[in-house]
Amino acid sequence: MLAPDALRLVAALVHTLPCISAVLEPDHGPAVVVGADRRCLPDLSPCELRRVVAAHRSGEAPDLSWVAAVDRVELGGPEVAAVVEDVVRVGGRDEPVLAFATLLGPLATRAVLRDVGRDALAEGWADPVGLGAVRASTFHDDLLDVTTVVVAESPTGGSTAPLDVVLASARACRVAELLQSVAPAG
């Protein structure tokens, strides 16, 4: 089985960037294809998956047992150039982007992104010009309580590879999520 929040992350990602599709494979029964692109032959649209996951999460729809049975997700789509860890690179656009979703709120996400940038400069694995060219946007989905980070890949980014920065940011968000989950309520 997937972690309980994994489908929230997938739903937010495909809803924010509908050019990304997802194949949801339950432990029994047929796979469910989610996407906005008809070439993927979707069973559900990104909006429908978002509503289904939110309804399942709130307990409003007990007949959605297949959602809990999903044990594997594959991200892809005609415009998806690569999936590295949980970062998706969407090409085939005028300006390719890198994206990932996090359970952190938008303010906490932005704080993590700033910290990663500071650490990258302090540790010397990013140059100031390259890091300055990295532009991140955050999109918070209130229904799913998930924030999606989208970073435009700039070809004039100096020697800093945007993928390295985004991967470091996604990893740092996962650590922050873990710390947040074990922090005492207060």
C-alpha atoms as a PDB file:
ATOM      1  CA  MET A   1       0.000   0.000   0.000  1.00  0.00           C
ATOM      2  CA  LEU A   2       1.032   3.559  -0.588  1.00  0.00           C
ATOM      3  CA  ALA A   3       1.576   5.935   2.276  1.00  0.00           C
ATOM      4  CA  PRO A   4      -1.786   7.514   3.125  1.00  0.00           C
ATOM      5  CA  ASP A   5      -0.754  10.934   1.846  1.00  0.00           C
ATOM      6  CA  ALA A   6       0.869   9.779  -1.410  1.00  0.00           C
ATOM      7  CA  LEU A   7      -2.349  10.072  -3.407  1.00  0.00           C
ATOM      8  CA  ARG A   8      -2.873  13.608  -2.076  1.00  0.00           C
ATOM      9  CA  LEU A   9       0.527  14.534  -3.491  1.00  0.00           C
ATOM     10  CA  VAL A  10      -0.221  12.873  -6.843  1.00  0.00           C
ATOM     11  CA  ALA A  11      -3.679  14.454  -7.066  1.00  0.00           C
ATOM     12  CA  ALA A  12      -2.288  17.931  -6.383  1.00  0.00           C
ATOM     13  CA  LEU A  13       0.543  17.487  -8.874  1.00  0.00           C
ATOM     14  CA  VAL A  14      -1.648  16.323 -11.770  1.00  0.00           C
ATOM     15  CA  HIS A  15      -4.263  18.945 -10.944  1.00  0.00           C
ATOM     16  CA  THR A  16      -1.720  21.779 -10.897  1.00  0.00           C
ATOM     17  CA  LEU A  17       0.034  20.544 -14.054  1.00  0.00           C
ATOM     18  CA  PRO A  18      -2.617  18.745 -16.117  1.00  0.00           C
ATOM     19  CA  CYS A  19      -0.010  17.756 -18.720  1.00  0.00           C
ATOM     20  CA  ILE A  20       1.138  15.154 -16.165  1.00  0.00           C
ATOM     21  CA  SER A  21      -0.824  11.916 -16.109  1.00  0.00           C
ATOM     22  CA  ALA A  22      -0.801   9.170 -13.508  1.00  0.00           C
ATOM     23  CA  VAL A  23      -1.502   5.462 -13.625  1.00  0.00           C
ATOM     24  CA  LEU A  24      -2.898   4.279 -10.285  1.00  0.00           C
ATOM     25  CA  GLU A  25      -2.490   0.544  -9.769  1.00  0.00           C
ATOM     26  CA  PRO A  26      -4.573  -1.003  -6.991  1.00  0.00           C
ATOM     27  CA  ASP A  27      -3.587  -4.286  -5.365  1.00  0.00           C
ATOM     28  CA  HIS A  28      -6.589  -5.814  -7.147  1.00  0.00           C
ATOM     29  CA  GLY A  29      -8.634  -4.799 -10.171  1.00  0.00           C
ATOM     30  CA  PRO A  30      -7.757  -2.679 -13.178  1.00  0.00           C
ATOM     31  CA  ALA A  31      -5.398   0.289 -13.186  1.00  0.00           C
ATOM     32  CA  VAL A  32      -6.931   3.765 -13.243  1.00  0.00           C
ATOM     33  CA  VAL A  33      -5.461   6.315 -15.652  1.00  0.00           C
ATOM     34  CA  VAL A  34      -5.709   9.957 -14.595  1.00  0.00           C
ATOM     35  CA  GLY A  35      -5.000  12.757 -17.029  1.00  0.00           C
ATOM     36  CA  ALA A  36      -6.293  15.684 -19.011  1.00  0.00           C
ATOM     37  CA  ASP A  37      -4.655  14.603 -22.274  1.00  0.00           C
ATOM     38  CA  ARG A  38      -6.960  12.344 -24.283  1.00  0.00           C
ATOM     39  CA  ARG A  39      -3.913  10.578 -25.754  1.00  0.00           C
ATOM     40  CA  CYS A  40      -3.501   8.895 -22.351  1.00  0.00           C
ATOM     41  CA  LEU A  41      -7.039   7.465 -22.524  1.00  0.00           C
ATOM     42  CA  PRO A  42      -7.864   8.655 -19.002  1.00  0.00           C
ATOM     43  CA  ASP A  43     -10.462   7.082 -16.739  1.00  0.00           C
ATOM     44  CA  LEU A  44     -10.500  10.171 -14.521  1.00  0.00           C
ATOM     45  CA  SER A  45      -9.610  13.810 -15.073  1.00  0.00           C
ATOM     46  CA  PRO A  46      -7.186  15.531 -12.665  1.00  0.00           C
ATOM     47  CA  CYS A  47     -10.164  17.412 -11.190  1.00  0.00           C
ATOM     48  CA  GLU A  48     -12.066  14.164 -10.628  1.00  0.00           C
ATOM     49  CA  LEU A  49      -9.076  12.546  -8.891  1.00  0.00           C
ATOM     50  CA  ARG A  50      -8.704  15.615  -6.694  1.00  0.00           C
ATOM     51  CA  ARG A  51     -12.366  15.388  -5.630  1.00  0.00           C
ATOM     52  CA  VAL A  52     -12.176  11.596  -5.098  1.00  0.00           C
ATOM     53  CA  VAL A  53      -9.046  11.821  -2.942  1.00  0.00           C
ATOM     54  CA  ALA A  54     -10.513  14.689  -0.900  1.00  0.00           C
ATOM     55  CA  ALA A  55     -13.788  12.799  -0.390  1.00  0.00           C
ATOM     56  CA  HIS A  56     -11.933   9.637   0.626  1.00  0.00           C
ATOM     57  CA  ARG A  57      -9.708  11.612   2.996  1.00  0.00           C
ATOM     58  CA  SER A  58     -12.689  13.232   4.713  1.00  0.00           C
ATOM     59  CA  GLY A  59     -14.584   9.929   4.937  1.00  0.00           C
ATOM     60  CA  GLU A  60     -17.478  11.330   2.903  1.00  0.00           C
ATOM     61  CA  ALA A  61     -17.394   8.549   0.317  1.00  0.00           C
ATOM     62  CA  PRO A  62     -17.126   5.060   1.828  1.00  0.00           C
ATOM     63  CA  ASP A  63     -17.655   3.406  -1.583  1.00  0.00           C
ATOM     64  CA  LEU A  64     -14.185   4.502  -2.724  1.00  0.00           C
ATOM     65  CA  SER A  65     -12.303   1.527  -1.297  1.00  0.00           C
ATOM     66  CA  TRP A  66     -10.205   1.296  -4.482  1.00  0.00           C
ATOM     67  CA  VAL A  67      -8.470   4.521  -3.439  1.00  0.00           C
ATOM     68  CA  ALA A  68      -7.115   2.852  -0.297  1.00  0.00           C
ATOM     69  CA  ALA A  69      -6.106  -0.195  -2.382  1.00  0.00           C
ATOM     70  CA  VAL A  70      -3.744   1.772  -4.672  1.00  0.00           C
ATOM     71  CA  ASP A  71      -0.261   0.406  -4.078  1.00  0.00           C
ATOM     72  CA  ARG A  72       1.673   1.834  -7.017  1.00  0.00           C
ATOM     73  CA  VAL A  73       1.627   5.087  -8.982  1.00  0.00           C
ATOM     74  CA  GLU A  74       3.415   5.819 -12.218  1.00  0.00           C
ATOM     75  CA  LEU A  75       3.686   9.429 -13.392  1.00  0.00           C
ATOM     76  CA  GLY A  76       4.066  10.226 -17.070  1.00  0.00           C
ATOM     77  CA  GLY A  77       2.354  11.756 -20.044  1.00  0.00           C
ATOM     78  CA  PRO A  78       3.264  12.916 -23.530  1.00  0.00           C
ATOM     79  CA  GLU A  79       5.000  16.056 -22.232  1.00  0.00           C
ATOM     80  CA  VAL A  80       6.781  14.433 -19.266  1.00  0.00           C
ATOM     81  CA  ALA A  81      10.480  14.249 -20.080  1.00  0.00           C
ATOM     82  CA  ALA A  82      11.638  12.575 -16.854  1.00  0.00           C
ATOM     83  CA  VAL A  83      10.708  11.621 -13.310  1.00  0.00           C
ATOM     84  CA  VAL A  84      13.653  11.764 -10.903  1.00  0.00           C
ATOM     85  CA  GLU A  85      12.767  10.699  -7.371  1.00  0.00           C
ATOM     86  CA  ASP A  86       9.526  12.649  -6.865  1.00  0.00           C
ATOM     87  CA  VAL A  87      10.430  15.545  -9.175  1.00  0.00           C
ATOM     88  CA  VAL A  88       8.749  15.625 -12.575  1.00  0.00           C
ATOM     89  CA  ARG A  89      10.355  17.390 -15.544  1.00  0.00           C
ATOM     90  CA  VAL A  90       7.806  18.560 -18.062  1.00  0.00           C
ATOM     91  CA  GLY A  91       9.303  19.349 -21.457  1.00  0.00           C
ATOM     92  CA  GLY A  92       7.620  19.966 -24.772  1.00  0.00           C
ATOM     93  CA  ARG A  93       6.800  23.506 -23.736  1.00  0.00           C
ATOM     94  CA  ASP A  94       8.319  26.843 -24.572  1.00  0.00           C
ATOM     95  CA  GLU A  95       9.860  26.792 -21.118  1.00  0.00           C
ATOM     96  CA  PRO A  96      10.333  23.372 -19.474  1.00  0.00           C
ATOM     97  CA  VAL A  97       9.491  23.112 -15.784  1.00  0.00           C
ATOM     98  CA  LEU A  98      10.363  20.931 -12.821  1.00  0.00           C
ATOM     99  CA  ALA A  99       7.666  20.210 -10.247  1.00  0.00           C
ATOM    100  CA  PHE A 100       6.985  18.347  -7.021  1.00  0.00           C
ATOM    101  CA  ALA A 101       4.290  18.365  -4.353  1.00  0.00           C
ATOM    102  CA  THR A 102       4.683  18.594  -0.591  1.00  0.00           C
ATOM    103  CA  LEU A 103       2.455  18.264   2.456  1.00  0.00           C
ATOM    104  CA  LEU A 104       3.930  21.480   3.847  1.00  0.00           C
ATOM    105  CA  GLY A 105       1.904  24.653   3.763  1.00  0.00           C
ATOM    106  CA  PRO A 106       2.944  27.406   1.360  1.00  0.00           C
ATOM    107  CA  LEU A 107       4.826  29.489   3.940  1.00  0.00           C
ATOM    108  CA  ALA A 108       6.765  26.499   5.268  1.00  0.00           C
ATOM    109  CA  THR A 109       7.512  25.412   1.699  1.00  0.00           C
ATOM    110  CA  ARG A 110       8.897  28.833   0.802  1.00  0.00           C
ATOM    111  CA  ALA A 111      11.014  28.818   3.967  1.00  0.00           C
ATOM    112  CA  VAL A 112      12.496  25.431   2.976  1.00  0.00           C
ATOM    113  CA  LEU A 113      13.218  26.718  -0.540  1.00  0.00           C
ATOM    114  CA  ARG A 114      15.022  29.762   0.904  1.00  0.00           C
ATOM    115  CA  ASP A 115      17.032  27.563   3.271  1.00  0.00           C
ATOM    116  CA  VAL A 116      18.081  25.248   0.429  1.00  0.00           C
ATOM    117  CA  GLY A 117      19.253  28.273  -1.555  1.00  0.00           C
ATOM    118  CA  ARG A 118      21.249  29.611   1.373  1.00  0.00           C
ATOM    119  CA  ASP A 119      22.804  26.198   2.032  1.00  0.00           C
ATOM    120  CA  ALA A 120      23.660  25.742  -1.647  1.00  0.00           C
ATOM    121  CA  LEU A 121      25.568  29.015  -1.664  1.00  0.00           C
ATOM    122  CA  ALA A 122      27.246  28.410   1.696  1.00  0.00           C
ATOM    123  CA  GLU A 123      28.318  24.885   0.743  1.00  0.00           C
ATOM    124  CA  GLY A 124      29.498  26.010  -2.692  1.00  0.00           C
ATOM    125  CA  TRP A 125      27.463  23.639  -4.860  1.00  0.00           C
ATOM    126  CA  ALA A 126      25.546  26.482  -6.501  1.00  0.00           C
ATOM    127  CA  ASP A 127      26.832  29.687  -8.001  1.00  0.00           C
ATOM    128  CA  PRO A 128      25.028  32.962  -7.174  1.00  0.00           C
ATOM    129  CA  VAL A 129      24.165  33.719 -10.827  1.00  0.00           C
ATOM    130  CA  GLY A 130      22.761  30.253 -11.422  1.00  0.00           C
ATOM    131  CA  LEU A 131      20.816  30.190  -8.180  1.00  0.00           C
ATOM    132  CA  GLY A 132      19.474  33.678  -8.887  1.00  0.00           C
ATOM    133  CA  ALA A 133      18.061  32.408 -12.182  1.00  0.00           C
ATOM    134  CA  VAL A 134      16.007  29.701 -10.439  1.00  0.00           C
ATOM    135  CA  ARG A 135      12.414  30.902 -10.114  1.00  0.00           C
ATOM    136  CA  ALA A 136      10.001  28.846  -8.028  1.00  0.00           C
ATOM    137  CA  SER A 137       6.246  29.279  -7.807  1.00  0.00           C
ATOM    138  CA  THR A 138       4.130  27.614  -5.141  1.00  0.00           C
ATOM    139  CA  PHE A 139       0.494  26.630  -5.569  1.00  0.00           C
ATOM    140  CA  HIS A 140      -1.447  25.572  -2.482  1.00  0.00           C
ATOM    141  CA  ASP A 141      -4.479  23.316  -2.854  1.00  0.00           C
ATOM    142  CA  ASP A 142      -6.755  23.992   0.117  1.00  0.00           C
ATOM    143  CA  LEU A 143      -8.968  20.975  -0.587  1.00  0.00           C
ATOM    144  CA  LEU A 144      -6.044  18.530  -0.435  1.00  0.00           C
ATOM    145  CA  ASP A 145      -3.850  20.660   1.865  1.00  0.00           C
ATOM    146  CA  VAL A 146      -0.878  20.151  -0.454  1.00  0.00           C
ATOM    147  CA  THR A 147       1.541  22.663  -1.956  1.00  0.00           C
ATOM    148  CA  THR A 148       2.947  22.128  -5.452  1.00  0.00           C
ATOM    149  CA  VAL A 149       6.275  23.719  -6.354  1.00  0.00           C
ATOM    150  CA  VAL A 150       6.917  24.574 -10.018  1.00  0.00           C
ATOM    151  CA  VAL A 151      10.336  25.776 -11.157  1.00  0.00           C
ATOM    152  CA  ALA A 152      11.005  27.055 -14.658  1.00  0.00           C
ATOM    153  CA  GLU A 153      14.195  25.701 -16.178  1.00  0.00           C
ATOM    154  CA  SER A 154      16.229  28.608 -17.472  1.00  0.00           C
ATOM    155  CA  PRO A 155      18.875  27.900 -20.101  1.00  0.00           C
ATOM    156  CA  THR A 156      20.828  30.942 -18.864  1.00  0.00           C
ATOM    157  CA  GLY A 157      21.193  29.668 -15.317  1.00  0.00           C
ATOM    158  CA  GLY A 158      24.988  29.619 -15.110  1.00  0.00           C
ATOM    159  CA  SER A 159      26.615  26.464 -13.823  1.00  0.00           C
ATOM    160  CA  THR A 160      23.854  25.631 -11.311  1.00  0.00           C
ATOM    161  CA  ALA A 161      21.587  22.930 -12.664  1.00  0.00           C
ATOM    162  CA  PRO A 162      17.967  23.664 -11.726  1.00  0.00           C
ATOM    163  CA  LEU A 163      17.365  19.917 -11.271  1.00  0.00           C
ATOM    164  CA  ASP A 164      19.985  19.775  -8.499  1.00  0.00           C
ATOM    165  CA  VAL A 165      18.328  22.670  -6.674  1.00  0.00           C
ATOM    166  CA  VAL A 166      14.838  21.231  -7.098  1.00  0.00           C
ATOM    167  CA  LEU A 167      15.904  17.744  -5.981  1.00  0.00           C
ATOM    168  CA  ALA A 168      17.561  19.239  -2.892  1.00  0.00           C
ATOM    169  CA  SER A 169      14.396  21.254  -2.233  1.00  0.00           C
ATOM    170  CA  ALA A 170      12.111  18.223  -2.598  1.00  0.00           C
ATOM    171  CA  ARG A 171      14.320  16.203  -0.235  1.00  0.00           C
ATOM    172  CA  ALA A 172      14.385  19.057   2.286  1.00  0.00           C
ATOM    173  CA  CYS A 173      10.580  19.301   2.125  1.00  0.00           C
ATOM    174  CA  ARG A 174      10.305  15.550   2.875  1.00  0.00           C
ATOM    175  CA  VAL A 175      12.539  16.004   5.921  1.00  0.00           C
ATOM    176  CA  ALA A 176      10.471  19.004   7.069  1.00  0.00           C
ATOM    177  CA  GLU A 177       7.259  16.963   6.587  1.00  0.00           C
ATOM    178  CA  LEU A 178       8.699  14.191   8.761  1.00  0.00           C
ATOM    179  CA  LEU A 179       9.766  16.646  11.456  1.00  0.00           C
ATOM    180  CA  GLN A 180       6.362  18.313  11.333  1.00  0.00           C
ATOM    181  CA  SER A 181       4.613  14.945  11.710  1.00  0.00           C
ATOM    182  CA  VAL A 182       6.504  14.065  14.896  1.00  0.00           C
ATOM    183  CA  ALA A 183       6.488  17.532  16.459  1.00  0.00           C
ATOM    184  CA  PRO A 184       4.286  17.862  19.546  1.00  0.00           C
ATOM    185  CA  ALA A 185       0.988  19.605  18.861  1.00  0.00           C
ATOM    186  CA  GLY A 186       0.985  23.055  20.233  1.00  0.00           C
END
